[in-house]
Amino acid sequence: MESWYALKIDGTATFKKMVSKIQITYETISIKYGSPYDMGVYSQKDTEANEIIFYFTPAAKPLAEKFGAVECEAPAKDGLELSVGPESCLNFFPLEG
């Protein structure tokens, strides 16, 4: 199974700015790689830790590398929201929960 990538940021204040940065970079990289149907970035809020974690699909590895995301296991589906990419990309990866 291919690796996912995670990037943690503090609090919700920087969330919109980070999504904007990821979106701009995604558009460039997506075009370069032929607009893959499985390249996406999801987010999950951890209110206890006051963090937001961005999860990059395996196909989004070039994008994850641009942001310094680290390799991780596939996230659980619960609480996962699409931030950048096509709605369909979760259909191609088995996720827990």
Protein backbone atom coordinates (compact mmCIF):
# COMPACT_ATOMS: atom_id res chain seq x y z
CA MET A 1 0.00 0.00 0.00
CA GLU A 2 1.26 3.45 -0.86
CA SER A 3 1.97 6.00 1.85
CA TRP A 4 -0.13 9.00 2.72
CA TYR A 5 1.46 12.23 4.01
CA ALA A 6 0.47 14.44 6.93
CA LEU A 7 1.05 18.08 7.74
CA LYS A 8 0.00 19.50 11.13
CA ILE A 9 -0.72 23.17 11.66
CA ASP A 10 -1.63 24.99 14.86
CA GLY A 11 -5.16 26.28 15.33
CA THR A 12 -7.81 27.30 12.85
CA ALA A 13 -6.48 30.83 12.32
CA THR A 14 -4.00 29.70 9.67
CA PHE A 15 -6.31 27.11 8.09
CA LYS A 16 -7.72 29.30 5.29
CA LYS A 17 -4.28 30.67 4.42
CA MET A 18 -2.81 27.18 4.25
CA VAL A 19 -5.68 25.86 2.12
CA SER A 20 -5.15 28.77 -0.25
CA LYS A 21 -1.41 28.02 -0.53
CA ILE A 22 -2.06 24.33 -1.06
CA GLN A 23 -4.74 25.08 -3.70
CA ILE A 24 -2.42 27.33 -5.72
CA THR A 25 0.40 24.78 -5.60
CA TYR A 26 -2.03 21.93 -6.32
CA GLU A 27 -3.20 23.57 -9.53
CA THR A 28 0.35 23.82 -10.87
CA ILE A 29 1.37 20.31 -9.84
CA SER A 30 -1.90 18.75 -10.97
CA ILE A 31 -1.46 20.14 -14.47
CA LYS A 32 2.14 18.95 -14.56
CA TYR A 33 1.06 15.39 -13.65
CA GLY A 34 -1.99 15.28 -15.96
CA SER A 35 -4.69 16.15 -13.39
CA PRO A 36 -4.76 12.81 -11.55
CA TYR A 37 -8.21 11.76 -10.31
CA ASP A 38 -6.67 10.48 -7.07
CA MET A 39 -4.58 13.52 -6.10
CA GLY A 40 -6.23 15.20 -3.14
CA VAL A 41 -5.71 16.84 0.21
CA TYR A 42 -8.04 16.26 3.14
CA SER A 43 -8.16 17.93 6.52
CA GLN A 44 -9.15 16.79 9.97
CA LYS A 45 -9.57 18.99 13.04
CA ASP A 46 -8.18 17.92 16.39
CA THR A 47 -9.95 20.29 18.75
CA GLU A 48 -8.28 18.85 21.87
CA ALA A 49 -4.81 19.62 20.53
CA ASN A 50 -5.97 22.78 18.71
CA GLU A 51 -4.45 21.40 15.50
CA ILE A 52 -5.54 20.75 11.97
CA ILE A 53 -3.95 17.89 10.10
CA PHE A 54 -3.79 17.92 6.31
CA TYR A 55 -3.65 14.46 4.73
CA PHE A 56 -2.21 14.17 1.23
CA THR A 57 -3.20 11.10 -0.81
CA PRO A 58 -0.37 8.94 -2.18
CA ALA A 59 -0.84 10.55 -5.62
CA ALA A 60 -0.32 13.96 -3.98
CA LYS A 61 3.23 13.07 -2.89
CA PRO A 62 4.81 15.82 -5.07
CA LEU A 63 2.48 18.34 -3.42
CA ALA A 64 3.13 16.96 0.07
CA GLU A 65 6.87 17.30 -0.47
CA LYS A 66 6.46 21.00 -1.31
CA PHE A 67 4.90 21.57 2.11
CA GLY A 68 7.19 19.32 4.14
CA ALA A 69 4.47 16.80 4.98
CA VAL A 70 5.68 13.57 6.56
CA GLU A 71 4.84 10.02 5.58
CA CYS A 72 1.99 8.49 7.58
CA GLU A 73 -0.64 5.76 7.54
CA ALA A 74 -3.96 6.34 5.82
CA PRO A 75 -6.26 8.41 8.04
CA ALA A 76 -9.63 7.30 9.37
CA LYS A 77 -12.59 8.58 7.32
CA ASP A 78 -14.40 9.98 10.36
CA GLY A 79 -14.06 13.75 10.44
CA LEU A 80 -12.09 13.86 7.18
CA GLU A 81 -13.03 16.76 4.88
CA LEU A 82 -11.86 17.44 1.34
CA SER A 83 -9.74 20.60 1.23
CA VAL A 84 -8.23 20.40 -2.26
CA GLY A 85 -8.80 18.04 -5.18
CA PRO A 86 -11.58 16.04 -6.79
CA GLU A 87 -14.40 14.60 -4.65
CA SER A 88 -13.75 11.19 -6.12
CA CYS A 89 -10.24 10.55 -4.84
CA LEU A 90 -11.29 8.85 -1.59
CA ASN A 91 -13.04 6.19 -3.69
CA PHE A 92 -9.65 4.87 -4.73
CA PHE A 93 -8.09 4.36 -1.31
CA PRO A 94 -9.25 2.10 1.50
CA LEU A 95 -9.57 4.08 4.72
CA GLU A 96 -10.40 2.99 8.23
CA GLY A 97 -13.66 3.85 9.95
